Amino acid sequence: MPLIQVILILITVGIILWLINRFIPMAKSIKSILNAVVVIAVVLWLLKVFGMLSYLYTIRVGVGK
């Protein structure tokens, strides 16, 4: 995926999130949860786009064989 397309998607997601936070009335706790979910989803998407997500699957935590 070209870098310009990634930047445009990030800008679009940011504008949509800003519009939701600015113009849709909802409790502050719900806005915080929504923001956290969007940020986590964007970070995971970026990791997948740049090929780091498959690397994270190979990391083993804990005791094992």
PDB file of N, CA and C in Angstrom:
ATOM      1  N   MET A   1       0.854  -1.170   0.000  1.00  0.00           N
ATOM      2  CA  MET A   1       0.000   0.000   0.000  1.00  0.00           C
ATOM      3  C   MET A   1       0.904   1.238   0.000  1.00  0.00           C
ATOM      4  N   PRO A   2       0.674   2.161  -0.910  1.00  0.00           N
ATOM      5  CA  PRO A   2       1.502   3.366  -0.975  1.00  0.00           C
ATOM      6  C   PRO A   2       1.361   4.234   0.281  1.00  0.00           C
ATOM      7  N   LEU A   3       2.444   4.919   0.605  1.00  0.00           N
ATOM      8  CA  LEU A   3       2.471   5.741   1.812  1.00  0.00           C
ATOM      9  C   LEU A   3       1.439   6.870   1.753  1.00  0.00           C
ATOM     10  N   ILE A   4       1.220   7.427   0.590  1.00  0.00           N
ATOM     11  CA  ILE A   4       0.225   8.500   0.438  1.00  0.00           C
ATOM     12  C   ILE A   4      -1.160   7.983   0.809  1.00  0.00           C
ATOM     13  N   GLN A   5      -1.478   6.774   0.393  1.00  0.00           N
ATOM     14  CA  GLN A   5      -2.786   6.193   0.707  1.00  0.00           C
ATOM     15  C   GLN A   5      -2.928   5.959   2.211  1.00  0.00           C
ATOM     16  N   VAL A   6      -1.879   5.501   2.870  1.00  0.00           N
ATOM     17  CA  VAL A   6      -1.912   5.306   4.319  1.00  0.00           C
ATOM     18  C   VAL A   6      -2.153   6.642   5.022  1.00  0.00           C
ATOM     19  N   ILE A   7      -1.457   7.676   4.588  1.00  0.00           N
ATOM     20  CA  ILE A   7      -1.619   9.000   5.201  1.00  0.00           C
ATOM     21  C   ILE A   7      -3.036   9.526   4.985  1.00  0.00           C
ATOM     22  N   LEU A   8      -3.577   9.354   3.789  1.00  0.00           N
ATOM     23  CA  LEU A   8      -4.946   9.805   3.521  1.00  0.00           C
ATOM     24  C   LEU A   8      -5.965   9.056   4.374  1.00  0.00           C
ATOM     25  N   ILE A   9      -5.772   7.771   4.567  1.00  0.00           N
ATOM     26  CA  ILE A   9      -6.677   7.004   5.424  1.00  0.00           C
ATOM     27  C   ILE A   9      -6.576   7.475   6.866  1.00  0.00           C
ATOM     28  N   LEU A  10      -5.354   7.732   7.340  1.00  0.00           N
ATOM     29  CA  LEU A  10      -5.183   8.225   8.714  1.00  0.00           C
ATOM     30  C   LEU A  10      -5.850   9.588   8.902  1.00  0.00           C
ATOM     31  N   ILE A  11      -5.714  10.458   7.919  1.00  0.00           N
ATOM     32  CA  ILE A  11      -6.355  11.778   7.990  1.00  0.00           C
ATOM     33  C   ILE A  11      -7.870  11.621   7.998  1.00  0.00           C
ATOM     34  N   THR A  12      -8.400  10.742   7.157  1.00  0.00           N
ATOM     35  CA  THR A  12      -9.842  10.520   7.095  1.00  0.00           C
ATOM     36  C   THR A  12     -10.377   9.976   8.417  1.00  0.00           C
ATOM     37  N   VAL A  13      -9.695   8.997   8.980  1.00  0.00           N
ATOM     38  CA  VAL A  13     -10.120   8.431  10.264  1.00  0.00           C
ATOM     39  C   VAL A  13     -10.058   9.503  11.352  1.00  0.00           C
ATOM     40  N   GLY A  14      -9.021  10.307  11.337  1.00  0.00           N
ATOM     41  CA  GLY A  14      -8.896  11.380  12.319  1.00  0.00           C
ATOM     42  C   GLY A  14     -10.016  12.402  12.208  1.00  0.00           C
ATOM     43  N   ILE A  15     -10.357  12.784  10.991  1.00  0.00           N
ATOM     44  CA  ILE A  15     -11.435  13.762  10.789  1.00  0.00           C
ATOM     45  C   ILE A  15     -12.781  13.176  11.222  1.00  0.00           C
ATOM     46  N   ILE A  16     -13.031  11.927  10.866  1.00  0.00           N
ATOM     47  CA  ILE A  16     -14.282  11.287  11.269  1.00  0.00           C
ATOM     48  C   ILE A  16     -14.381  11.186  12.789  1.00  0.00           C
ATOM     49  N   LEU A  17     -13.288  10.799  13.438  1.00  0.00           N
ATOM     50  CA  LEU A  17     -13.293  10.708  14.900  1.00  0.00           C
ATOM     51  C   LEU A  17     -13.496  12.082  15.525  1.00  0.00           C
ATOM     52  N   TRP A  18     -12.866  13.107  14.967  1.00  0.00           N
ATOM     53  CA  TRP A  18     -13.046  14.468  15.478  1.00  0.00           C
ATOM     54  C   TRP A  18     -14.493  14.919  15.319  1.00  0.00           C
ATOM     55  N   LEU A  19     -15.100  14.634  14.156  1.00  0.00           N
ATOM     56  CA  LEU A  19     -16.495  15.012  13.933  1.00  0.00           C
ATOM     57  C   LEU A  19     -17.424  14.303  14.915  1.00  0.00           C
ATOM     58  N   ILE A  20     -17.176  13.028  15.160  1.00  0.00           N
ATOM     59  CA  ILE A  20     -17.995  12.289  16.129  1.00  0.00           C
ATOM     60  C   ILE A  20     -17.837  12.893  17.524  1.00  0.00           C
ATOM     61  N   ASN A  21     -16.594  13.166  17.923  1.00  0.00           N
ATOM     62  CA  ASN A  21     -16.356  13.735  19.257  1.00  0.00           C
ATOM     63  C   ASN A  21     -16.934  15.134  19.391  1.00  0.00           C
ATOM     64  N   ARG A  22     -16.921  15.877  18.321  1.00  0.00           N
ATOM     65  CA  ARG A  22     -17.346  17.281  18.365  1.00  0.00           C
ATOM     66  C   ARG A  22     -18.860  17.449  18.285  1.00  0.00           C
ATOM     67  N   PHE A  23     -19.526  16.692  17.414  1.00  0.00           N
ATOM     68  CA  PHE A  23     -20.913  16.983  17.099  1.00  0.00           C
ATOM     69  C   PHE A  23     -21.929  15.953  17.585  1.00  0.00           C
ATOM     70  N   ILE A  24     -21.514  14.782  18.008  1.00  0.00           N
ATOM     71  CA  ILE A  24     -22.461  13.790  18.513  1.00  0.00           C
ATOM     72  C   ILE A  24     -22.403  13.794  20.041  1.00  0.00           C
ATOM     73  N   PRO A  25     -23.510  14.176  20.675  1.00  0.00           N
ATOM     74  CA  PRO A  25     -23.503  14.230  22.143  1.00  0.00           C
ATOM     75  C   PRO A  25     -23.540  12.822  22.745  1.00  0.00           C
ATOM     76  N   MET A  26     -22.584  12.564  23.606  1.00  0.00           N
ATOM     77  CA  MET A  26     -22.558  11.302  24.342  1.00  0.00           C
ATOM     78  C   MET A  26     -21.726  11.505  25.601  1.00  0.00           C
ATOM     79  N   ALA A  27     -21.855  10.605  26.529  1.00  0.00           N
ATOM     80  CA  ALA A  27     -21.137  10.706  27.794  1.00  0.00           C
ATOM     81  C   ALA A  27     -19.623  10.681  27.556  1.00  0.00           C
ATOM     82  N   LYS A  28     -18.904  11.374  28.451  1.00  0.00           N
ATOM     83  CA  LYS A  28     -17.451  11.464  28.300  1.00  0.00           C
ATOM     84  C   LYS A  28     -16.793  10.086  28.378  1.00  0.00           C
ATOM     85  N   SER A  29     -17.326   9.204  29.210  1.00  0.00           N
ATOM     86  CA  SER A  29     -16.740   7.863  29.332  1.00  0.00           C
ATOM     87  C   SER A  29     -16.904   7.075  28.025  1.00  0.00           C
ATOM     88  N   ILE A  30     -18.045   7.245  27.364  1.00  0.00           N
ATOM     89  CA  ILE A  30     -18.264   6.549  26.091  1.00  0.00           C
ATOM     90  C   ILE A  30     -17.329   7.105  25.020  1.00  0.00           C
ATOM     91  N   LYS A  31     -17.117   8.424  25.020  1.00  0.00           N
ATOM     92  CA  LYS A  31     -16.178   9.022  24.061  1.00  0.00           C
ATOM     93  C   LYS A  31     -14.764   8.494  24.289  1.00  0.00           C
ATOM     94  N   SER A  32     -14.388   8.355  25.546  1.00  0.00           N
ATOM     95  CA  SER A  32     -13.053   7.840  25.854  1.00  0.00           C
ATOM     96  C   SER A  32     -12.881   6.407  25.356  1.00  0.00           C
ATOM     97  N   ILE A  33     -13.904   5.590  25.571  1.00  0.00           N
ATOM     98  CA  ILE A  33     -13.845   4.200  25.099  1.00  0.00           C
ATOM     99  C   ILE A  33     -13.788   4.163  23.577  1.00  0.00           C
ATOM    100  N   LEU A  34     -14.611   4.968  22.921  1.00  0.00           N
ATOM    101  CA  LEU A  34     -14.608   5.036  21.456  1.00  0.00           C
ATOM    102  C   LEU A  34     -13.243   5.454  20.931  1.00  0.00           C
ATOM    103  N   ASN A  35     -12.662   6.480  21.530  1.00  0.00           N
ATOM    104  CA  ASN A  35     -11.333   6.944  21.112  1.00  0.00           C
ATOM    105  C   ASN A  35     -10.288   5.849  21.289  1.00  0.00           C
ATOM    106  N   ALA A  36     -10.338   5.144  22.416  1.00  0.00           N
ATOM    107  CA  ALA A  36      -9.366   4.081  22.676  1.00  0.00           C
ATOM    108  C   ALA A  36      -9.511   2.950  21.665  1.00  0.00           C
ATOM    109  N   VAL A  37     -10.746   2.569  21.361  1.00  0.00           N
ATOM    110  CA  VAL A  37     -10.976   1.486  20.402  1.00  0.00           C
ATOM    111  C   VAL A  37     -10.466   1.885  19.020  1.00  0.00           C
ATOM    112  N   VAL A  38     -10.730   3.126  18.611  1.00  0.00           N
ATOM    113  CA  VAL A  38     -10.274   3.587  17.296  1.00  0.00           C
ATOM    114  C   VAL A  38      -8.748   3.639  17.244  1.00  0.00           C
ATOM    115  N   VAL A  39      -8.121   4.136  18.287  1.00  0.00           N
ATOM    116  CA  VAL A  39      -6.656   4.217  18.308  1.00  0.00           C
ATOM    117  C   VAL A  39      -6.035   2.822  18.255  1.00  0.00           C
ATOM    118  N   ILE A  40      -6.570   1.892  19.029  1.00  0.00           N
ATOM    119  CA  ILE A  40      -6.050   0.522  19.016  1.00  0.00           C
ATOM    120  C   ILE A  40      -6.230  -0.109  17.638  1.00  0.00           C
ATOM    121  N   ALA A  41      -7.410   0.094  17.046  1.00  0.00           N
ATOM    122  CA  ALA A  41      -7.666  -0.463  15.715  1.00  0.00           C
ATOM    123  C   ALA A  41      -6.712   0.130  14.677  1.00  0.00           C
ATOM    124  N   VAL A  42      -6.455   1.426  14.751  1.00  0.00           N
ATOM    125  CA  VAL A  42      -5.555   2.075  13.789  1.00  0.00           C
ATOM    126  C   VAL A  42      -4.121   1.582  13.981  1.00  0.00           C
ATOM    127  N   VAL A  43      -3.705   1.425  15.213  1.00  0.00           N
ATOM    128  CA  VAL A  43      -2.340   0.933  15.473  1.00  0.00           C
ATOM    129  C   VAL A  43      -2.192  -0.490  14.935  1.00  0.00           C
ATOM    130  N   LEU A  44      -3.182  -1.348  15.186  1.00  0.00           N
ATOM    131  CA  LEU A  44      -3.122  -2.719  14.665  1.00  0.00           C
ATOM    132  C   LEU A  44      -3.126  -2.729  13.140  1.00  0.00           C
ATOM    133  N   TRP A  45      -3.935  -1.854  12.536  1.00  0.00           N
ATOM    134  CA  TRP A  45      -3.976  -1.768  11.083  1.00  0.00           C
ATOM    135  C   TRP A  45      -2.626  -1.313  10.527  1.00  0.00           C
ATOM    136  N   LEU A  46      -2.007  -0.317  11.176  1.00  0.00           N
ATOM    137  CA  LEU A  46      -0.694   0.153  10.733  1.00  0.00           C
ATOM    138  C   LEU A  46       0.359  -0.942  10.859  1.00  0.00           C
ATOM    139  N   LEU A  47       0.314  -1.699  11.950  1.00  0.00           N
ATOM    140  CA  LEU A  47       1.248  -2.811  12.110  1.00  0.00           C
ATOM    141  C   LEU A  47       1.065  -3.835  10.991  1.00  0.00           C
ATOM    142  N   LYS A  48      -0.197  -4.088  10.631  1.00  0.00           N
ATOM    143  CA  LYS A  48      -0.463  -5.039   9.545  1.00  0.00           C
ATOM    144  C   LYS A  48       0.016  -4.491   8.207  1.00  0.00           C
ATOM    145  N   VAL A  49      -0.234  -3.206   7.949  1.00  0.00           N
ATOM    146  CA  VAL A  49       0.166  -2.601   6.675  1.00  0.00           C
ATOM    147  C   VAL A  49       1.673  -2.639   6.500  1.00  0.00           C
ATOM    148  N   PHE A  50       2.416  -2.367   7.565  1.00  0.00           N
ATOM    149  CA  PHE A  50       3.870  -2.335   7.466  1.00  0.00           C
ATOM    150  C   PHE A  50       4.522  -3.682   7.731  1.00  0.00           C
ATOM    151  N   GLY A  51       3.708  -4.735   7.866  1.00  0.00           N
ATOM    152  CA  GLY A  51       4.243  -6.085   7.982  1.00  0.00           C
ATOM    153  C   GLY A  51       4.768  -6.465   9.341  1.00  0.00           C
ATOM    154  N   MET A  52       4.447  -5.703  10.359  1.00  0.00           N
ATOM    155  CA  MET A  52       4.941  -6.010  11.696  1.00  0.00           C
ATOM    156  C   MET A  52       4.004  -6.942  12.465  1.00  0.00           C
ATOM    157  N   LEU A  53       2.761  -7.035  12.049  1.00  0.00           N
ATOM    158  CA  LEU A  53       1.800  -7.854  12.781  1.00  0.00           C
ATOM    159  C   LEU A  53       2.137  -9.331  12.675  1.00  0.00           C
ATOM    160  N   SER A  54       2.569  -9.778  11.523  1.00  0.00           N
ATOM    161  CA  SER A  54       2.941 -11.186  11.376  1.00  0.00           C
ATOM    162  C   SER A  54       4.173 -11.506  12.220  1.00  0.00           C
ATOM    163  N   TYR A  55       5.055 -10.520  12.395  1.00  0.00           N
ATOM    164  CA  TYR A  55       6.229 -10.719  13.241  1.00  0.00           C
ATOM    165  C   TYR A  55       5.812 -10.885  14.695  1.00  0.00           C
ATOM    166  N   LEU A  56       4.799 -10.132  15.135  1.00  0.00           N
ATOM    167  CA  LEU A  56       4.359 -10.216  16.522  1.00  0.00           C
ATOM    168  C   LEU A  56       3.743 -11.571  16.853  1.00  0.00           C
ATOM    169  N   TYR A  57       3.182 -12.260  15.851  1.00  0.00           N
ATOM    170  CA  TYR A  57       2.603 -13.576  16.090  1.00  0.00           C
ATOM    171  C   TYR A  57       3.662 -14.613  16.430  1.00  0.00           C
ATOM    172  N   THR A  58       4.903 -14.389  16.036  1.00  0.00           N
ATOM    173  CA  THR A  58       5.953 -15.370  16.276  1.00  0.00           C
ATOM    174  C   THR A  58       6.586 -15.232  17.660  1.00  0.00           C
ATOM    175  N   ILE A  59       6.273 -14.174  18.374  1.00  0.00           N
ATOM    176  CA  ILE A  59       6.850 -13.964  19.715  1.00  0.00           C
ATOM    177  C   ILE A  59       6.147 -14.861  20.716  1.00  0.00           C
ATOM    178  N   ARG A  60       6.907 -15.601  21.486  1.00  0.00           N
ATOM    179  CA  ARG A  60       6.362 -16.493  22.502  1.00  0.00           C
ATOM    180  C   ARG A  60       6.635 -15.900  23.883  1.00  0.00           C
ATOM    181  N   VAL A  61       5.613 -15.906  24.731  1.00  0.00           N
ATOM    182  CA  VAL A  61       5.745 -15.388  26.086  1.00  0.00           C
ATOM    183  C   VAL A  61       5.446 -16.534  27.040  1.00  0.00           C
ATOM    184  N   GLY A  62       6.289 -16.676  28.055  1.00  0.00           N
ATOM    185  CA  GLY A  62       6.060 -17.723  29.049  1.00  0.00           C
ATOM    186  C   GLY A  62       6.990 -18.899  28.850  1.00  0.00           C
ATOM    187  N   VAL A  63       6.767 -19.907  29.691  1.00  0.00           N
ATOM    188  CA  VAL A  63       7.592 -21.110  29.657  1.00  0.00           C
ATOM    189  C   VAL A  63       6.965 -22.097  28.697  1.00  0.00           C
ATOM    190  N   GLY A  64       7.757 -22.648  27.848  1.00  0.00           N
ATOM    191  CA  GLY A  64       7.247 -23.633  26.891  1.00  0.00           C
ATOM    192  C   GLY A  64       8.385 -24.354  26.231  1.00  0.00           C
ATOM    193  N   LYS A  65       8.047 -25.292  25.401  1.00  0.00           N
ATOM    194  CA  LYS A  65       9.069 -26.070  24.722  1.00  0.00           C
ATOM    195  C   LYS A  65       9.463 -25.431  23.424  1.00  0.00           C
TER     196      LYS A  65
END
